[in-house]
Amino acid sequence: MNPITGAVVEAVLDPLFSPLLSLPPWLAIGAIALLVSVIVTVIYKLTTDQNLMRSLKQEMKDLQKEMKELRSHPEKMAGVQARFMQTNMKYMMGSMKSTLFTILPIIFIFGWLNANLAFEPLAPGQQFTVTADFAKGASGTATLTTLPEGITQGEAVQQIVDSKATWLLQGAEGEYVLEVAYGESSAQVEVLITSGRGYRTPVVRSKSPGVRQVTLGNEKMEAFRVGSFSVGWFWTYIIFAITFSIALRRVMKVA
């Protein structure tokens, strides 16, 4: 998440959406998808010429039907297809204003969802891994240190194998900073251990020439599961958003 998006998420969306983190993930995502769908649908209706949009939509349906009837006449079908493309372009241009109003808020909301519901939290006493990726050809050892005290680990010094080194840790509830040191290079990563929801960025890319990346062992969250089928926050949101949008458009009679 870039600094601007992060600042907006923290200042505006955290106070608004954080109470939802006490709900099951699928329900929290569903509530956000419903709120966004209502706002987007209302804005779309207010910023578009509904009579024109209905006319264009009906014209596209008629042209699609005509194209099906002309499958055995390629030349005539090509002409109808060109008209369909022109009508479709007019329809898209008619909805452009509403898209401009809603695209930026949706990007910020996606940033919040990714920061809060993409991974499982690290619980107090739970063992987790920290893996550092080093520059190609790196060898020798790397050292992991933690601040403040509260995290226990095995050997602080680990051998680098295939340009990677892994540590196994666990700790009490709290916020920590881990530092991986390799020669003159080092990289830091923040860790949140909590009995509630929340986590720090699990994958941190480093500008250090020796340490390329540090990855925490947070497991990916299965936000929605039915039997053996499960999806993360993104597809859970998409499923809810499509369902709510279709229903709202029918209820509000939006073209």
C-alpha atoms as a PDB file:
ATOM      1  CA  MET A   1       0.000   0.000   0.000  1.00  0.00           C
ATOM      2  CA  ASN A   2       1.458   3.367  -0.982  1.00  0.00           C
ATOM      3  CA  PRO A   3       1.763   6.142   1.662  1.00  0.00           C
ATOM      4  CA  ILE A   4      -1.206   8.191   0.362  1.00  0.00           C
ATOM      5  CA  THR A   5      -3.557   5.207   0.307  1.00  0.00           C
ATOM      6  CA  GLY A   6      -2.277   4.137   3.718  1.00  0.00           C
ATOM      7  CA  ALA A   7      -2.932   7.569   5.214  1.00  0.00           C
ATOM      8  CA  VAL A   8      -6.516   7.689   3.869  1.00  0.00           C
ATOM      9  CA  VAL A   9      -7.207   4.144   5.047  1.00  0.00           C
ATOM     10  CA  GLU A  10      -5.899   4.882   8.535  1.00  0.00           C
ATOM     11  CA  ALA A  11      -7.578   8.282   8.963  1.00  0.00           C
ATOM     12  CA  VAL A  12     -10.960   7.654   7.320  1.00  0.00           C
ATOM     13  CA  LEU A  13     -11.701   3.971   6.836  1.00  0.00           C
ATOM     14  CA  ASP A  14     -10.238   2.536  10.053  1.00  0.00           C
ATOM     15  CA  PRO A  15     -12.709   4.381  12.331  1.00  0.00           C
ATOM     16  CA  LEU A  16     -15.577   3.506   9.968  1.00  0.00           C
ATOM     17  CA  PHE A  17     -14.886  -0.171   9.293  1.00  0.00           C
ATOM     18  CA  SER A  18     -12.811  -1.392  12.271  1.00  0.00           C
ATOM     19  CA  PRO A  19     -15.936  -2.338  14.320  1.00  0.00           C
ATOM     20  CA  LEU A  20     -16.764  -4.838  11.553  1.00  0.00           C
ATOM     21  CA  LEU A  21     -13.616  -6.827  12.376  1.00  0.00           C
ATOM     22  CA  SER A  22     -15.457  -8.375  15.326  1.00  0.00           C
ATOM     23  CA  LEU A  23     -17.769 -10.108  12.815  1.00  0.00           C
ATOM     24  CA  PRO A  24     -16.947 -13.242  10.805  1.00  0.00           C
ATOM     25  CA  PRO A  25     -14.848 -12.152   7.777  1.00  0.00           C
ATOM     26  CA  TRP A  26     -17.507 -13.054   5.188  1.00  0.00           C
ATOM     27  CA  LEU A  27     -20.120 -11.023   7.052  1.00  0.00           C
ATOM     28  CA  ALA A  28     -17.826  -8.000   7.425  1.00  0.00           C
ATOM     29  CA  ILE A  29     -16.987  -8.103   3.717  1.00  0.00           C
ATOM     30  CA  GLY A  30     -20.665  -8.563   2.840  1.00  0.00           C
ATOM     31  CA  ALA A  31     -21.623  -5.500   4.896  1.00  0.00           C
ATOM     32  CA  ILE A  32     -18.970  -3.386   3.158  1.00  0.00           C
ATOM     33  CA  ALA A  33     -20.001  -4.705  -0.269  1.00  0.00           C
ATOM     34  CA  LEU A  34     -23.642  -3.810   0.468  1.00  0.00           C
ATOM     35  CA  LEU A  35     -22.740  -0.280   1.585  1.00  0.00           C
ATOM     36  CA  VAL A  36     -20.560   0.308  -1.473  1.00  0.00           C
ATOM     37  CA  SER A  37     -23.172  -1.176  -3.835  1.00  0.00           C
ATOM     38  CA  VAL A  38     -25.873   1.142  -2.462  1.00  0.00           C
ATOM     39  CA  ILE A  39     -23.642   4.212  -2.829  1.00  0.00           C
ATOM     40  CA  VAL A  40     -22.451   3.258  -6.324  1.00  0.00           C
ATOM     41  CA  THR A  41     -25.984   2.502  -7.534  1.00  0.00           C
ATOM     42  CA  VAL A  42     -27.368   5.791  -6.189  1.00  0.00           C
ATOM     43  CA  ILE A  43     -24.501   7.786  -7.731  1.00  0.00           C
ATOM     44  CA  TYR A  44     -24.943   5.960 -11.047  1.00  0.00           C
ATOM     45  CA  LYS A  45     -28.662   6.757 -11.114  1.00  0.00           C
ATOM     46  CA  LEU A  46     -28.126  10.426 -10.257  1.00  0.00           C
ATOM     47  CA  THR A  47     -25.275  11.040 -12.707  1.00  0.00           C
ATOM     48  CA  THR A  48     -26.668   9.306 -15.794  1.00  0.00           C
ATOM     49  CA  ASP A  49     -29.506  10.064 -18.195  1.00  0.00           C
ATOM     50  CA  GLN A  50     -31.653   7.046 -17.359  1.00  0.00           C
ATOM     51  CA  ASN A  51     -33.948   7.468 -20.357  1.00  0.00           C
ATOM     52  CA  LEU A  52     -30.956   7.491 -22.700  1.00  0.00           C
ATOM     53  CA  MET A  53     -29.321   4.548 -20.922  1.00  0.00           C
ATOM     54  CA  ARG A  54     -32.519   2.470 -21.161  1.00  0.00           C
ATOM     55  CA  SER A  55     -32.807   3.315 -24.847  1.00  0.00           C
ATOM     56  CA  LEU A  56     -29.190   2.313 -25.517  1.00  0.00           C
ATOM     57  CA  LYS A  57     -29.560  -0.866 -23.481  1.00  0.00           C
ATOM     58  CA  GLN A  58     -32.660  -1.890 -25.413  1.00  0.00           C
ATOM     59  CA  GLU A  59     -30.944  -1.064 -28.704  1.00  0.00           C
ATOM     60  CA  MET A  60     -28.025  -3.342 -27.780  1.00  0.00           C
ATOM     61  CA  LYS A  61     -30.424  -6.182 -26.947  1.00  0.00           C
ATOM     62  CA  ASP A  62     -32.164  -5.749 -30.303  1.00  0.00           C
ATOM     63  CA  LEU A  63     -28.832  -5.704 -32.158  1.00  0.00           C
ATOM     64  CA  GLN A  64     -27.659  -8.844 -30.337  1.00  0.00           C
ATOM     65  CA  LYS A  65     -30.858 -10.604 -31.373  1.00  0.00           C
ATOM     66  CA  GLU A  66     -30.361  -9.428 -34.960  1.00  0.00           C
ATOM     67  CA  MET A  67     -26.759 -10.712 -34.999  1.00  0.00           C
ATOM     68  CA  LYS A  68     -27.934 -14.174 -33.920  1.00  0.00           C
ATOM     69  CA  GLU A  69     -30.409 -14.219 -36.795  1.00  0.00           C
ATOM     70  CA  LEU A  70     -27.679 -13.192 -39.294  1.00  0.00           C
ATOM     71  CA  ARG A  71     -25.110 -15.868 -38.423  1.00  0.00           C
ATOM     72  CA  SER A  72     -25.461 -17.368 -41.893  1.00  0.00           C
ATOM     73  CA  HIS A  73     -24.930 -13.924 -43.508  1.00  0.00           C
ATOM     74  CA  PRO A  74     -21.444 -12.770 -42.385  1.00  0.00           C
ATOM     75  CA  GLU A  75     -21.431  -9.518 -44.382  1.00  0.00           C
ATOM     76  CA  LYS A  76     -24.748  -8.278 -42.977  1.00  0.00           C
ATOM     77  CA  MET A  77     -23.767  -9.488 -39.513  1.00  0.00           C
ATOM     78  CA  ALA A  78     -20.539  -7.426 -39.664  1.00  0.00           C
ATOM     79  CA  GLY A  79     -22.566  -4.270 -40.298  1.00  0.00           C
ATOM     80  CA  VAL A  80     -24.873  -4.971 -37.352  1.00  0.00           C
ATOM     81  CA  GLN A  81     -21.860  -5.774 -35.180  1.00  0.00           C
ATOM     82  CA  ALA A  82     -20.338  -2.380 -36.018  1.00  0.00           C
ATOM     83  CA  ARG A  83     -23.571  -0.663 -34.957  1.00  0.00           C
ATOM     84  CA  PHE A  84     -23.573  -2.684 -31.746  1.00  0.00           C
ATOM     85  CA  MET A  85     -20.020  -1.544 -30.950  1.00  0.00           C
ATOM     86  CA  GLN A  86     -20.984   2.104 -31.515  1.00  0.00           C
ATOM     87  CA  THR A  87     -24.029   1.798 -29.256  1.00  0.00           C
ATOM     88  CA  ASN A  88     -22.006   0.017 -26.597  1.00  0.00           C
ATOM     89  CA  MET A  89     -19.425   2.822 -26.695  1.00  0.00           C
ATOM     90  CA  LYS A  90     -22.185   5.423 -26.188  1.00  0.00           C
ATOM     91  CA  TYR A  91     -23.460   3.403 -23.209  1.00  0.00           C
ATOM     92  CA  MET A  92     -19.984   3.261 -21.674  1.00  0.00           C
ATOM     93  CA  MET A  93     -19.432   6.984 -22.185  1.00  0.00           C
ATOM     94  CA  GLY A  94     -22.788   7.686 -20.549  1.00  0.00           C
ATOM     95  CA  SER A  95     -21.693   5.876 -17.385  1.00  0.00           C
ATOM     96  CA  MET A  96     -18.187   7.390 -17.323  1.00  0.00           C
ATOM     97  CA  LYS A  97     -19.116  10.235 -14.940  1.00  0.00           C
ATOM     98  CA  SER A  98     -20.356   7.845 -12.247  1.00  0.00           C
ATOM     99  CA  THR A  99     -17.200   5.763 -12.630  1.00  0.00           C
ATOM    100  CA  LEU A 100     -15.020   8.822 -12.021  1.00  0.00           C
ATOM    101  CA  PHE A 101     -16.952   9.572  -8.811  1.00  0.00           C
ATOM    102  CA  THR A 102     -16.639   6.045  -7.417  1.00  0.00           C
ATOM    103  CA  ILE A 103     -13.335   4.553  -8.611  1.00  0.00           C
ATOM    104  CA  LEU A 104     -11.067   6.299  -6.083  1.00  0.00           C
ATOM    105  CA  PRO A 105     -13.152   5.436  -2.975  1.00  0.00           C
ATOM    106  CA  ILE A 106     -13.318   1.816  -4.136  1.00  0.00           C
ATOM    107  CA  ILE A 107      -9.515   1.711  -4.470  1.00  0.00           C
ATOM    108  CA  PHE A 108      -9.185   2.953  -0.879  1.00  0.00           C
ATOM    109  CA  ILE A 109     -11.724   0.390   0.361  1.00  0.00           C
ATOM    110  CA  PHE A 110      -9.840  -2.391  -1.424  1.00  0.00           C
ATOM    111  CA  GLY A 111      -6.699  -1.156   0.313  1.00  0.00           C
ATOM    112  CA  TRP A 112      -8.426  -1.416   3.695  1.00  0.00           C
ATOM    113  CA  LEU A 113      -9.733  -4.913   2.980  1.00  0.00           C
ATOM    114  CA  ASN A 114      -6.297  -6.073   1.866  1.00  0.00           C
ATOM    115  CA  ALA A 115      -4.699  -4.590   4.986  1.00  0.00           C
ATOM    116  CA  ASN A 116      -7.180  -6.191   7.389  1.00  0.00           C
ATOM    117  CA  LEU A 117      -8.775  -9.301   5.883  1.00  0.00           C
ATOM    118  CA  ALA A 118      -6.201 -10.863   3.555  1.00  0.00           C
ATOM    119  CA  PHE A 119      -4.274 -12.790   6.230  1.00  0.00           C
ATOM    120  CA  GLU A 120      -4.908 -14.484   9.555  1.00  0.00           C
ATOM    121  CA  PRO A 121      -3.500 -12.708  12.620  1.00  0.00           C
ATOM    122  CA  LEU A 122      -0.602 -14.075  14.664  1.00  0.00           C
ATOM    123  CA  ALA A 123      -2.005 -15.191  18.031  1.00  0.00           C
ATOM    124  CA  PRO A 124      -0.159 -15.043  21.376  1.00  0.00           C
ATOM    125  CA  GLY A 125       1.872 -18.216  21.850  1.00  0.00           C
ATOM    126  CA  GLN A 126       1.400 -19.266  18.213  1.00  0.00           C
ATOM    127  CA  GLN A 127       4.549 -20.363  16.421  1.00  0.00           C
ATOM    128  CA  PHE A 128       5.249 -18.536  13.180  1.00  0.00           C
ATOM    129  CA  THR A 129       8.080 -18.285  10.705  1.00  0.00           C
ATOM    130  CA  VAL A 130      10.142 -15.379   9.487  1.00  0.00           C
ATOM    131  CA  THR A 131      11.839 -15.982   6.144  1.00  0.00           C
ATOM    132  CA  ALA A 132      14.437 -13.675   4.645  1.00  0.00           C
ATOM    133  CA  ASP A 133      15.335 -13.723   0.949  1.00  0.00           C
ATOM    134  CA  PHE A 134      18.847 -12.609   0.083  1.00  0.00           C
ATOM    135  CA  ALA A 135      20.630 -11.564  -3.081  1.00  0.00           C
ATOM    136  CA  LYS A 136      21.436 -14.350  -5.518  1.00  0.00           C
ATOM    137  CA  GLY A 137      24.529 -16.253  -4.474  1.00  0.00           C
ATOM    138  CA  ALA A 138      24.353 -15.148  -0.821  1.00  0.00           C
ATOM    139  CA  SER A 139      25.968 -17.557   1.624  1.00  0.00           C
ATOM    140  CA  GLY A 140      27.073 -17.723   5.226  1.00  0.00           C
ATOM    141  CA  THR A 141      24.778 -16.740   8.092  1.00  0.00           C
ATOM    142  CA  ALA A 142      22.149 -14.132   8.951  1.00  0.00           C
ATOM    143  CA  THR A 143      21.066 -12.856  12.360  1.00  0.00           C
ATOM    144  CA  LEU A 144      17.560 -12.006  13.584  1.00  0.00           C
ATOM    145  CA  THR A 145      17.016  -9.609  16.488  1.00  0.00           C
ATOM    146  CA  THR A 146      13.743  -8.427  18.049  1.00  0.00           C
ATOM    147  CA  LEU A 147      12.629  -5.289  19.889  1.00  0.00           C
ATOM    148  CA  PRO A 148      11.230  -5.052  22.491  1.00  0.00           C
ATOM    149  CA  GLU A 149      11.572  -8.290  24.437  1.00  0.00           C
ATOM    150  CA  GLY A 150       8.624 -10.678  24.393  1.00  0.00           C
ATOM    151  CA  ILE A 151       9.356 -12.907  21.414  1.00  0.00           C
ATOM    152  CA  THR A 152      11.159 -16.193  21.922  1.00  0.00           C
ATOM    153  CA  GLN A 153      13.054 -17.909  19.156  1.00  0.00           C
ATOM    154  CA  GLY A 154      15.456 -20.720  18.498  1.00  0.00           C
ATOM    155  CA  GLU A 155      18.881 -19.866  17.170  1.00  0.00           C
ATOM    156  CA  ALA A 156      19.170 -16.180  16.323  1.00  0.00           C
ATOM    157  CA  VAL A 157      21.850 -17.003  13.762  1.00  0.00           C
ATOM    158  CA  GLN A 158      20.706 -19.128  10.819  1.00  0.00           C
ATOM    159  CA  GLN A 159      22.541 -20.582   7.851  1.00  0.00           C
ATOM    160  CA  ILE A 160      21.607 -19.183   4.439  1.00  0.00           C
ATOM    161  CA  VAL A 161      20.520 -21.978   2.092  1.00  0.00           C
ATOM    162  CA  ASP A 162      19.478 -21.284  -1.511  1.00  0.00           C
ATOM    163  CA  SER A 163      19.547 -17.546  -0.717  1.00  0.00           C
ATOM    164  CA  LYS A 164      17.033 -17.975   2.122  1.00  0.00           C
ATOM    165  CA  ALA A 165      17.093 -18.190   5.921  1.00  0.00           C
ATOM    166  CA  THR A 166      14.146 -19.063   8.176  1.00  0.00           C
ATOM    167  CA  TRP A 167      13.512 -18.519  11.879  1.00  0.00           C
ATOM    168  CA  LEU A 168      10.762 -20.014  14.065  1.00  0.00           C
ATOM    169  CA  LEU A 169       9.300 -17.626  16.650  1.00  0.00           C
ATOM    170  CA  GLN A 170       6.438 -17.154  19.094  1.00  0.00           C
ATOM    171  CA  GLY A 171       5.583 -14.377  21.483  1.00  0.00           C
ATOM    172  CA  ALA A 172       3.255 -12.574  23.833  1.00  0.00           C
ATOM    173  CA  GLU A 173       0.627 -10.112  22.646  1.00  0.00           C
ATOM    174  CA  GLY A 174       2.127  -6.860  21.457  1.00  0.00           C
ATOM    175  CA  GLU A 175       3.888  -5.035  18.640  1.00  0.00           C
ATOM    176  CA  TYR A 176       7.483  -5.828  17.751  1.00  0.00           C
ATOM    177  CA  VAL A 177      10.179  -4.902  15.278  1.00  0.00           C
ATOM    178  CA  LEU A 178      12.333  -7.660  13.806  1.00  0.00           C
ATOM    179  CA  GLU A 179      15.640  -6.925  12.144  1.00  0.00           C
ATOM    180  CA  VAL A 180      17.437  -9.294   9.802  1.00  0.00           C
ATOM    181  CA  ALA A 181      21.147  -8.561   9.487  1.00  0.00           C
ATOM    182  CA  TYR A 182      23.455  -9.979   6.836  1.00  0.00           C
ATOM    183  CA  GLY A 183      26.932  -8.524   6.604  1.00  0.00           C
ATOM    184  CA  GLU A 184      26.565  -4.764   6.123  1.00  0.00           C
ATOM    185  CA  SER A 185      22.922  -5.123   5.016  1.00  0.00           C
ATOM    186  CA  SER A 186      19.811  -5.233   7.177  1.00  0.00           C
ATOM    187  CA  ALA A 187      16.022  -5.074   6.878  1.00  0.00           C
ATOM    188  CA  GLN A 188      13.296  -4.449   9.429  1.00  0.00           C
ATOM    189  CA  VAL A 189       9.733  -5.746   9.593  1.00  0.00           C
ATOM    190  CA  GLU A 190       6.928  -4.911  12.033  1.00  0.00           C
ATOM    191  CA  VAL A 191       5.071  -7.759  13.748  1.00  0.00           C
ATOM    192  CA  LEU A 192       1.697  -7.618  15.493  1.00  0.00           C
ATOM    193  CA  ILE A 193       0.756 -10.462  17.829  1.00  0.00           C
ATOM    194  CA  THR A 194      -2.863 -10.155  18.908  1.00  0.00           C
ATOM    195  CA  SER A 195      -5.776 -12.173  20.229  1.00  0.00           C
ATOM    196  CA  GLY A 196      -8.081 -10.109  18.022  1.00  0.00           C
ATOM    197  CA  ARG A 197      -7.974  -9.162  14.351  1.00  0.00           C
ATOM    198  CA  GLY A 198      -5.188  -7.341  12.585  1.00  0.00           C
ATOM    199  CA  TYR A 199      -1.669  -7.851  11.299  1.00  0.00           C
ATOM    200  CA  ARG A 200       1.224  -5.951   9.845  1.00  0.00           C
ATOM    201  CA  THR A 201       2.290  -6.255   6.205  1.00  0.00           C
ATOM    202  CA  PRO A 202       3.409  -9.908   5.923  1.00  0.00           C
ATOM    203  CA  VAL A 203       5.745  -9.344   2.970  1.00  0.00           C
ATOM    204  CA  VAL A 204       8.213  -6.466   3.244  1.00  0.00           C
ATOM    205  CA  ARG A 205      10.526  -5.700   0.343  1.00  0.00           C
ATOM    206  CA  SER A 206      13.855  -4.209   1.316  1.00  0.00           C
ATOM    207  CA  LYS A 207      15.964  -1.576  -0.407  1.00  0.00           C
ATOM    208  CA  SER A 208      19.030  -3.148   1.166  1.00  0.00           C
ATOM    209  CA  PRO A 209      21.376  -4.676  -1.434  1.00  0.00           C
ATOM    210  CA  GLY A 210      21.883  -7.846   0.588  1.00  0.00           C
ATOM    211  CA  VAL A 211      18.435  -8.549   2.063  1.00  0.00           C
ATOM    212  CA  ARG A 212      15.781  -8.485  -0.637  1.00  0.00           C
ATOM    213  CA  GLN A 213      12.621  -9.415   1.250  1.00  0.00           C
ATOM    214  CA  VAL A 214      11.346 -10.511   4.658  1.00  0.00           C
ATOM    215  CA  THR A 215       8.180 -12.637   4.878  1.00  0.00           C
ATOM    216  CA  LEU A 216       6.130 -13.336   8.002  1.00  0.00           C
ATOM    217  CA  GLY A 217       4.300 -16.627   8.372  1.00  0.00           C
ATOM    218  CA  ASN A 218       0.744 -15.266   8.455  1.00  0.00           C
ATOM    219  CA  GLU A 219      -1.584 -17.725   6.754  1.00  0.00           C
ATOM    220  CA  LYS A 220      -3.863 -16.438   3.999  1.00  0.00           C
ATOM    221  CA  MET A 221      -7.409 -15.907   5.234  1.00  0.00           C
ATOM    222  CA  GLU A 222     -10.240 -17.972   3.787  1.00  0.00           C
ATOM    223  CA  ALA A 223     -12.896 -15.291   4.029  1.00  0.00           C
ATOM    224  CA  PHE A 224     -15.710 -17.437   2.633  1.00  0.00           C
ATOM    225  CA  ARG A 225     -15.948 -21.225   2.690  1.00  0.00           C
ATOM    226  CA  VAL A 226     -18.642 -23.662   1.574  1.00  0.00           C
ATOM    227  CA  GLY A 227     -17.546 -27.282   1.872  1.00  0.00           C
ATOM    228  CA  SER A 228     -14.222 -27.618   0.073  1.00  0.00           C
ATOM    229  CA  PHE A 229     -14.735 -24.340  -1.814  1.00  0.00           C
ATOM    230  CA  SER A 230     -13.064 -21.296  -0.295  1.00  0.00           C
ATOM    231  CA  VAL A 231     -12.012 -17.843  -1.486  1.00  0.00           C
ATOM    232  CA  GLY A 232     -10.160 -14.866  -0.047  1.00  0.00           C
ATOM    233  CA  TRP A 233     -11.434 -11.361   0.587  1.00  0.00           C
ATOM    234  CA  PHE A 234     -11.264 -10.209  -3.046  1.00  0.00           C
ATOM    235  CA  TRP A 235     -13.528 -12.855  -4.580  1.00  0.00           C
ATOM    236  CA  THR A 236     -15.799 -12.779  -1.531  1.00  0.00           C
ATOM    237  CA  TYR A 237     -16.264  -9.050  -2.139  1.00  0.00           C
ATOM    238  CA  ILE A 238     -16.833  -9.546  -5.885  1.00  0.00           C
ATOM    239  CA  ILE A 239     -19.495 -12.231  -5.282  1.00  0.00           C
ATOM    240  CA  PHE A 240     -21.364 -10.043  -2.800  1.00  0.00           C
ATOM    241  CA  ALA A 241     -20.958  -6.861  -4.878  1.00  0.00           C
ATOM    242  CA  ILE A 242     -22.339  -8.440  -8.067  1.00  0.00           C
ATOM    243  CA  THR A 243     -25.268  -9.976  -6.185  1.00  0.00           C
ATOM    244  CA  PHE A 244     -26.149  -6.738  -4.386  1.00  0.00           C
ATOM    245  CA  SER A 245     -25.700  -4.590  -7.512  1.00  0.00           C
ATOM    246  CA  ILE A 246     -28.061  -6.733  -9.587  1.00  0.00           C
ATOM    247  CA  ALA A 247     -30.676  -6.714  -6.818  1.00  0.00           C
ATOM    248  CA  LEU A 248     -30.386  -2.964  -6.176  1.00  0.00           C
ATOM    249  CA  ARG A 249     -30.627  -2.086  -9.872  1.00  0.00           C
ATOM    250  CA  ARG A 250     -33.868  -4.039 -10.118  1.00  0.00           C
ATOM    251  CA  VAL A 251     -35.337  -2.549  -6.951  1.00  0.00           C
ATOM    252  CA  MET A 252     -34.303   1.012  -7.888  1.00  0.00           C
ATOM    253  CA  LYS A 253     -35.191   0.482 -11.577  1.00  0.00           C
ATOM    254  CA  VAL A 254     -31.754   1.545 -12.780  1.00  0.00           C
ATOM    255  CA  ALA A 255     -30.881   1.062 -16.455  1.00  0.00           C
END
